[in-house]
Amino acid sequence: MFITIAICCHCYGPWLWLSFEVMNANLCTTPEPRCELRRGETVSVDGDRRGQKLRCIDGHLWITQAGDAMDHLVAGGREFVITRPGRVVIQALTQRACVDAVAA
């Protein structure tokens, strides 16, 4: 499966389109309270989880949610709040990343 994201970057023109293949996909239907991922690994959750926080404990994460035109890059120590129902995909962008699911 290939995923394409757009990043606004003045160094590369108005938009830099990145396309990468998701390798070693780890898809599940319930989030673990804490999940450790290696670069390129993904975890996916479905359902209406609006208000739930995903806290990046370590590393960097790419997060996308159904119905949201934006992709979100979340660094260690930061949080992302799920705002839409449907599938949420989380991928590690660094050698190691750790995400914690916090109840709403």
Protein backbone atom coordinates (compact mmCIF):
# COMPACT_ATOMS: atom_id res chain seq x y z
CA MET A 1 0.00 0.00 0.00
CA PHE A 2 1.33 3.46 -0.89
CA ILE A 3 0.51 6.65 1.00
CA THR A 4 1.05 10.15 -0.38
CA ILE A 5 1.24 13.26 1.78
CA ALA A 6 1.81 16.92 0.93
CA ILE A 7 4.00 19.19 2.99
CA CYS A 8 4.29 22.93 2.45
CA CYS A 9 7.98 23.74 2.35
CA HIS A 10 9.56 26.92 1.02
CA CYS A 11 12.78 25.04 0.18
CA TYR A 12 11.10 22.77 -2.34
CA GLY A 13 8.44 25.07 -3.75
CA PRO A 14 4.86 25.50 -2.59
CA TRP A 15 4.24 21.78 -1.99
CA LEU A 16 6.50 18.78 -1.53
CA TRP A 17 4.68 15.53 -2.29
CA LEU A 18 6.05 12.52 -0.45
CA SER A 19 5.02 9.03 -1.37
CA PHE A 20 6.14 6.02 0.62
CA GLU A 21 5.19 2.41 0.95
CA VAL A 22 3.76 1.18 4.22
CA MET A 23 5.79 -1.86 5.15
CA ASN A 24 5.23 -4.31 7.99
CA ALA A 25 1.73 -3.01 8.61
CA ASN A 26 0.38 -3.98 12.01
CA LEU A 27 -3.37 -3.39 11.80
CA CYS A 28 -5.58 -3.83 14.82
CA THR A 29 -9.05 -2.75 15.89
CA THR A 30 -8.34 -1.73 19.47
CA PRO A 31 -5.52 0.55 20.57
CA GLU A 32 -3.13 -0.72 23.17
CA PRO A 33 -2.72 1.70 26.08
CA ARG A 34 0.90 2.04 24.98
CA CYS A 35 2.26 0.88 21.65
CA GLU A 36 5.87 0.81 20.53
CA LEU A 37 6.52 1.01 16.78
CA ARG A 38 9.62 0.75 14.63
CA ARG A 39 10.17 2.97 11.59
CA GLY A 40 7.54 2.23 8.93
CA GLU A 41 5.31 0.14 11.21
CA THR A 42 1.69 1.23 11.47
CA VAL A 43 -1.22 0.68 13.79
CA SER A 44 -4.80 1.38 12.75
CA VAL A 45 -7.92 1.83 14.88
CA ASP A 46 -11.55 2.07 13.77
CA GLY A 47 -14.72 3.41 15.34
CA ASP A 48 -15.86 6.64 16.90
CA ARG A 49 -12.96 7.69 19.11
CA ARG A 50 -13.55 11.44 18.98
CA GLY A 51 -11.92 13.17 21.92
CA GLN A 52 -9.38 10.41 22.55
CA LYS A 53 -5.80 11.67 22.82
CA LEU A 54 -2.83 9.96 21.23
CA ARG A 55 0.32 11.01 23.08
CA CYS A 56 3.68 10.58 21.36
CA ILE A 57 5.98 9.49 24.18
CA ASP A 58 9.12 9.18 22.07
CA GLY A 59 10.11 9.59 18.41
CA HIS A 60 7.94 11.07 15.65
CA LEU A 61 4.55 9.87 14.38
CA TRP A 62 2.53 10.44 11.23
CA ILE A 63 -1.19 10.37 12.02
CA THR A 64 -4.11 10.56 9.59
CA GLN A 65 -7.82 10.18 10.24
CA ALA A 66 -10.77 9.43 7.97
CA GLY A 67 -12.43 12.53 6.53
CA ASP A 68 -9.53 14.84 7.41
CA ALA A 69 -7.62 16.35 4.48
CA MET A 70 -4.65 17.08 6.78
CA ASP A 71 -1.97 14.65 7.83
CA HIS A 72 -0.44 15.28 11.24
CA LEU A 73 3.22 14.95 12.26
CA VAL A 74 3.51 14.56 16.03
CA ALA A 75 6.83 14.78 17.88
CA GLY A 76 7.75 13.23 21.22
CA GLY A 77 6.03 14.98 24.12
CA ARG A 78 3.12 16.19 21.94
CA GLU A 79 -0.48 14.99 21.70
CA PHE A 80 -3.01 14.56 18.92
CA VAL A 81 -6.76 14.60 19.63
CA ILE A 82 -8.96 12.48 17.37
CA THR A 83 -11.69 14.76 15.99
CA ARG A 84 -13.53 12.51 13.52
CA PRO A 85 -15.16 9.09 13.57
CA GLY A 86 -13.67 6.34 11.43
CA ARG A 87 -10.23 4.90 10.84
CA VAL A 88 -7.12 6.50 12.35
CA VAL A 89 -3.72 5.36 11.05
CA ILE A 90 -0.54 5.95 13.06
CA GLN A 91 2.94 5.34 11.61
CA ALA A 92 6.40 5.64 13.15
CA LEU A 93 8.65 8.00 11.20
CA THR A 94 11.72 7.51 13.38
CA GLN A 95 13.77 4.41 14.21
CA ARG A 96 11.56 3.91 17.27
CA ALA A 97 8.37 5.65 18.36
CA CYS A 98 6.07 5.12 21.30
CA VAL A 99 2.42 6.20 21.38
CA ASP A 100 0.07 6.19 24.36
CA ALA A 101 -3.73 6.16 23.93
CA VAL A 102 -5.38 8.32 26.58
CA ALA A 103 -9.13 8.00 27.19
CA ALA A 104 -11.29 11.04 26.47
